[in-house]
Amino acid sequence: MNNFILFLNTFFSYILVMIVVAVVAGTGMFIGIKMRKSKDAKAEAAEEEAAAEE
């Protein structure tokens, strides 16, 4: 029984680490997508402004 408890402890520890890694990766992806969309919107606005000046 003691070995089973140790196994579950290790298993849940690895599950917790996997969840933390997934949350950090998901947050990074969310921030990256948001920043890229913002950059694209600014570039598009600058192109429209340059075209309007011509």
PDB file of N, CA and C in Angstrom:
ATOM      1  N   MET A   1       0.825  -1.196   0.000  1.00  0.00           N
ATOM      2  CA  MET A   1       0.000   0.000   0.000  1.00  0.00           C
ATOM      3  C   MET A   1       0.869   1.260   0.000  1.00  0.00           C
ATOM      4  N   ASN A   2       1.982   1.197   0.681  1.00  0.00           N
ATOM      5  CA  ASN A   2       2.873   2.359   0.754  1.00  0.00           C
ATOM      6  C   ASN A   2       3.434   2.690  -0.628  1.00  0.00           C
ATOM      7  N   ASN A   3       3.757   1.638  -1.410  1.00  0.00           N
ATOM      8  CA  ASN A   3       4.274   1.876  -2.757  1.00  0.00           C
ATOM      9  C   ASN A   3       3.219   2.518  -3.656  1.00  0.00           C
ATOM     10  N   PHE A   4       1.968   2.117  -3.466  1.00  0.00           N
ATOM     11  CA  PHE A   4       0.877   2.680  -4.251  1.00  0.00           C
ATOM     12  C   PHE A   4       0.700   4.168  -3.946  1.00  0.00           C
ATOM     13  N   ILE A   5       0.779   4.527  -2.696  1.00  0.00           N
ATOM     14  CA  ILE A   5       0.662   5.935  -2.291  1.00  0.00           C
ATOM     15  C   ILE A   5       1.827   6.738  -2.860  1.00  0.00           C
ATOM     16  N   LEU A   6       3.020   6.180  -2.819  1.00  0.00           N
ATOM     17  CA  LEU A   6       4.172   6.871  -3.396  1.00  0.00           C
ATOM     18  C   LEU A   6       4.010   7.044  -4.900  1.00  0.00           C
ATOM     19  N   PHE A   7       3.481   6.015  -5.560  1.00  0.00           N
ATOM     20  CA  PHE A   7       3.240   6.102  -6.996  1.00  0.00           C
ATOM     21  C   PHE A   7       2.236   7.204  -7.313  1.00  0.00           C
ATOM     22  N   LEU A   8       1.124   7.243  -6.584  1.00  0.00           N
ATOM     23  CA  LEU A   8       0.116   8.276  -6.815  1.00  0.00           C
ATOM     24  C   LEU A   8       0.678   9.673  -6.555  1.00  0.00           C
ATOM     25  N   ASN A   9       1.492   9.796  -5.533  1.00  0.00           N
ATOM     26  CA  ASN A   9       2.107  11.082  -5.223  1.00  0.00           C
ATOM     27  C   ASN A   9       2.986  11.547  -6.392  1.00  0.00           C
ATOM     28  N   THR A  10       3.795  10.658  -6.908  1.00  0.00           N
ATOM     29  CA  THR A  10       4.659  10.994  -8.039  1.00  0.00           C
ATOM     30  C   THR A  10       3.832  11.292  -9.288  1.00  0.00           C
ATOM     31  N   PHE A  11       2.823  10.484  -9.528  1.00  0.00           N
ATOM     32  CA  PHE A  11       1.957  10.660 -10.694  1.00  0.00           C
ATOM     33  C   PHE A  11       1.273  12.019 -10.668  1.00  0.00           C
ATOM     34  N   PHE A  12       0.677  12.374  -9.546  1.00  0.00           N
ATOM     35  CA  PHE A  12      -0.004  13.662  -9.442  1.00  0.00           C
ATOM     36  C   PHE A  12       0.981  14.827  -9.494  1.00  0.00           C
ATOM     37  N   SER A  13       2.183  14.600  -9.033  1.00  0.00           N
ATOM     38  CA  SER A  13       3.211  15.629  -9.122  1.00  0.00           C
ATOM     39  C   SER A  13       3.535  15.917 -10.588  1.00  0.00           C
ATOM     40  N   TYR A  14       3.711  14.869 -11.388  1.00  0.00           N
ATOM     41  CA  TYR A  14       3.976  15.061 -12.818  1.00  0.00           C
ATOM     42  C   TYR A  14       2.774  15.673 -13.537  1.00  0.00           C
ATOM     43  N   ILE A  15       1.564  15.297 -13.142  1.00  0.00           N
ATOM     44  CA  ILE A  15       0.360  15.886 -13.731  1.00  0.00           C
ATOM     45  C   ILE A  15       0.320  17.385 -13.436  1.00  0.00           C
ATOM     46  N   LEU A  16       0.639  17.763 -12.212  1.00  0.00           N
ATOM     47  CA  LEU A  16       0.645  19.170 -11.833  1.00  0.00           C
ATOM     48  C   LEU A  16       1.684  19.944 -12.635  1.00  0.00           C
ATOM     49  N   VAL A  17       2.864  19.371 -12.814  1.00  0.00           N
ATOM     50  CA  VAL A  17       3.905  20.033 -13.615  1.00  0.00           C
ATOM     51  C   VAL A  17       3.434  20.188 -15.058  1.00  0.00           C
ATOM     52  N   MET A  18       2.787  19.166 -15.605  1.00  0.00           N
ATOM     53  CA  MET A  18       2.287  19.231 -16.971  1.00  0.00           C
ATOM     54  C   MET A  18       1.229  20.326 -17.103  1.00  0.00           C
ATOM     55  N   ILE A  19       0.360  20.457 -16.120  1.00  0.00           N
ATOM     56  CA  ILE A  19      -0.668  21.495 -16.149  1.00  0.00           C
ATOM     57  C   ILE A  19      -0.030  22.880 -16.112  1.00  0.00           C
ATOM     58  N   VAL A  20       0.971  23.061 -15.273  1.00  0.00           N
ATOM     59  CA  VAL A  20       1.659  24.354 -15.185  1.00  0.00           C
ATOM     60  C   VAL A  20       2.327  24.687 -16.513  1.00  0.00           C
ATOM     61  N   VAL A  21       2.985  23.726 -17.131  1.00  0.00           N
ATOM     62  CA  VAL A  21       3.640  23.954 -18.420  1.00  0.00           C
ATOM     63  C   VAL A  21       2.602  24.316 -19.479  1.00  0.00           C
ATOM     64  N   ALA A  22       1.466  23.628 -19.482  1.00  0.00           N
ATOM     65  CA  ALA A  22       0.413  23.910 -20.468  1.00  0.00           C
ATOM     66  C   ALA A  22      -0.162  25.308 -20.271  1.00  0.00           C
ATOM     67  N   VAL A  23      -0.338  25.722 -19.022  1.00  0.00           N
ATOM     68  CA  VAL A  23      -0.873  27.065 -18.750  1.00  0.00           C
ATOM     69  C   VAL A  23       0.120  28.133 -19.207  1.00  0.00           C
ATOM     70  N   VAL A  24       1.394  27.933 -18.921  1.00  0.00           N
ATOM     71  CA  VAL A  24       2.414  28.906 -19.347  1.00  0.00           C
ATOM     72  C   VAL A  24       2.482  28.970 -20.874  1.00  0.00           C
ATOM     73  N   ALA A  25       2.429  27.825 -21.538  1.00  0.00           N
ATOM     74  CA  ALA A  25       2.462  27.801 -23.002  1.00  0.00           C
ATOM     75  C   ALA A  25       1.216  28.468 -23.588  1.00  0.00           C
ATOM     76  N   GLY A  26       0.062  28.183 -23.031  1.00  0.00           N
ATOM     77  CA  GLY A  26      -1.179  28.797 -23.506  1.00  0.00           C
ATOM     78  C   GLY A  26      -1.174  30.300 -23.322  1.00  0.00           C
ATOM     79  N   THR A  27      -0.668  30.760 -22.189  1.00  0.00           N
ATOM     80  CA  THR A  27      -0.574  32.196 -21.939  1.00  0.00           C
ATOM     81  C   THR A  27       0.374  32.853 -22.937  1.00  0.00           C
ATOM     82  N   GLY A  28       1.489  32.206 -23.205  1.00  0.00           N
ATOM     83  CA  GLY A  28       2.442  32.731 -24.178  1.00  0.00           C
ATOM     84  C   GLY A  28       1.848  32.810 -25.571  1.00  0.00           C
ATOM     85  N   MET A  29       1.103  31.794 -25.945  1.00  0.00           N
ATOM     86  CA  MET A  29       0.462  31.804 -27.261  1.00  0.00           C
ATOM     87  C   MET A  29      -0.575  32.915 -27.349  1.00  0.00           C
ATOM     88  N   PHE A  30      -1.370  33.082 -26.305  1.00  0.00           N
ATOM     89  CA  PHE A  30      -2.395  34.121 -26.281  1.00  0.00           C
ATOM     90  C   PHE A  30      -1.767  35.507 -26.413  1.00  0.00           C
ATOM     91  N   ILE A  31      -0.721  35.752 -25.646  1.00  0.00           N
ATOM     92  CA  ILE A  31      -0.047  37.052 -25.701  1.00  0.00           C
ATOM     93  C   ILE A  31       0.596  37.265 -27.066  1.00  0.00           C
ATOM     94  N   GLY A  32       1.225  36.230 -27.609  1.00  0.00           N
ATOM     95  CA  GLY A  32       1.853  36.346 -28.922  1.00  0.00           C
ATOM     96  C   GLY A  32       0.859  36.656 -30.020  1.00  0.00           C
ATOM     97  N   ILE A  33      -0.271  35.984 -30.019  1.00  0.00           N
ATOM     98  CA  ILE A  33      -1.303  36.233 -31.035  1.00  0.00           C
ATOM     99  C   ILE A  33      -1.846  37.647 -30.892  1.00  0.00           C
ATOM    100  N   LYS A  34      -2.086  38.075 -29.651  1.00  0.00           N
ATOM    101  CA  LYS A  34      -2.612  39.417 -29.418  1.00  0.00           C
ATOM    102  C   LYS A  34      -1.622  40.482 -29.892  1.00  0.00           C
ATOM    103  N   MET A  35      -0.343  40.289 -29.600  1.00  0.00           N
ATOM    104  CA  MET A  35       0.671  41.256 -30.022  1.00  0.00           C
ATOM    105  C   MET A  35       0.797  41.288 -31.543  1.00  0.00           C
ATOM    106  N   ARG A  36       0.724  40.123 -32.189  1.00  0.00           N
ATOM    107  CA  ARG A  36       0.845  40.071 -33.650  1.00  0.00           C
ATOM    108  C   ARG A  36      -0.329  40.769 -34.317  1.00  0.00           C
ATOM    109  N   LYS A  37      -1.551  40.545 -33.800  1.00  0.00           N
ATOM    110  CA  LYS A  37      -2.718  41.212 -34.379  1.00  0.00           C
ATOM    111  C   LYS A  37      -2.610  42.717 -34.213  1.00  0.00           C
ATOM    112  N   SER A  38      -2.108  43.166 -33.072  1.00  0.00           N
ATOM    113  CA  SER A  38      -1.921  44.594 -32.833  1.00  0.00           C
ATOM    114  C   SER A  38      -0.896  45.177 -33.808  1.00  0.00           C
ATOM    115  N   LYS A  39       0.200  44.451 -34.025  1.00  0.00           N
ATOM    116  CA  LYS A  39       1.233  44.922 -34.954  1.00  0.00           C
ATOM    117  C   LYS A  39       0.689  44.988 -36.379  1.00  0.00           C
ATOM    118  N   ASP A  40      -0.068  43.971 -36.777  1.00  0.00           N
ATOM    119  CA  ASP A  40      -0.641  43.966 -38.124  1.00  0.00           C
ATOM    120  C   ASP A  40      -1.631  45.115 -38.303  1.00  0.00           C
ATOM    121  N   ALA A  41      -2.425  45.415 -37.274  1.00  0.00           N
ATOM    122  CA  ALA A  41      -3.386  46.507 -37.368  1.00  0.00           C
ATOM    123  C   ALA A  41      -2.665  47.846 -37.495  1.00  0.00           C
ATOM    124  N   LYS A  42      -1.589  48.017 -36.749  1.00  0.00           N
ATOM    125  CA  LYS A  42      -0.822  49.264 -36.848  1.00  0.00           C
ATOM    126  C   LYS A  42      -0.181  49.398 -38.226  1.00  0.00           C
ATOM    127  N   ALA A  43       0.348  48.312 -38.766  1.00  0.00           N
ATOM    128  CA  ALA A  43       0.974  48.351 -40.087  1.00  0.00           C
ATOM    129  C   ALA A  43      -0.062  48.662 -41.158  1.00  0.00           C
ATOM    130  N   GLU A  44      -1.240  48.084 -41.026  1.00  0.00           N
ATOM    131  CA  GLU A  44      -2.299  48.340 -41.997  1.00  0.00           C
ATOM    132  C   GLU A  44      -2.739  49.808 -41.936  1.00  0.00           C
ATOM    133  N   ALA A  45      -2.843  50.354 -40.739  1.00  0.00           N
ATOM    134  CA  ALA A  45      -3.232  51.753 -40.587  1.00  0.00           C
ATOM    135  C   ALA A  45      -2.163  52.666 -41.184  1.00  0.00           C
ATOM    136  N   ALA A  46      -0.904  52.314 -40.994  1.00  0.00           N
ATOM    137  CA  ALA A  46       0.179  53.118 -41.561  1.00  0.00           C
ATOM    138  C   ALA A  46       0.158  53.057 -43.085  1.00  0.00           C
ATOM    139  N   GLU A  47      -0.132  51.879 -43.652  1.00  0.00           N
ATOM    140  CA  GLU A  47      -0.218  51.759 -45.116  1.00  0.00           C
ATOM    141  C   GLU A  47      -1.370  52.588 -45.677  1.00  0.00           C
ATOM    142  N   GLU A  48      -2.519  52.555 -44.979  1.00  0.00           N
ATOM    143  CA  GLU A  48      -3.667  53.330 -45.434  1.00  0.00           C
ATOM    144  C   GLU A  48      -3.368  54.827 -45.357  1.00  0.00           C
ATOM    145  N   GLU A  49      -2.678  55.233 -44.310  1.00  0.00           N
ATOM    146  CA  GLU A  49      -2.323  56.638 -44.157  1.00  0.00           C
ATOM    147  C   GLU A  49      -1.349  57.067 -45.252  1.00  0.00           C
ATOM    148  N   ALA A  50      -0.390  56.207 -45.575  1.00  0.00           N
ATOM    149  CA  ALA A  50       0.567  56.526 -46.635  1.00  0.00           C
ATOM    150  C   ALA A  50      -0.127  56.594 -47.986  1.00  0.00           C
ATOM    151  N   ALA A  51      -1.093  55.719 -48.213  1.00  0.00           N
ATOM    152  CA  ALA A  51      -1.821  55.721 -49.487  1.00  0.00           C
ATOM    153  C   ALA A  51      -2.710  56.956 -49.593  1.00  0.00           C
ATOM    154  N   ALA A  52      -3.232  57.428 -48.473  1.00  0.00           N
ATOM    155  CA  ALA A  52      -4.101  58.602 -48.494  1.00  0.00           C
ATOM    156  C   ALA A  52      -3.316  59.868 -48.765  1.00  0.00           C
ATOM    157  N   GLU A  53      -2.041  59.894 -48.392  1.00  0.00           N
ATOM    158  CA  GLU A  53      -1.208  61.078 -48.587  1.00  0.00           C
ATOM    159  C   GLU A  53      -0.763  61.230 -50.034  1.00  0.00           C
ATOM    160  N   GLU A  54      -0.780  60.144 -50.786  1.00  0.00           N
ATOM    161  CA  GLU A  54      -0.292  60.201 -52.174  1.00  0.00           C
ATOM    162  C   GLU A  54      -1.242  60.828 -53.115  1.00  0.00           C
TER     163      GLU A  54
END
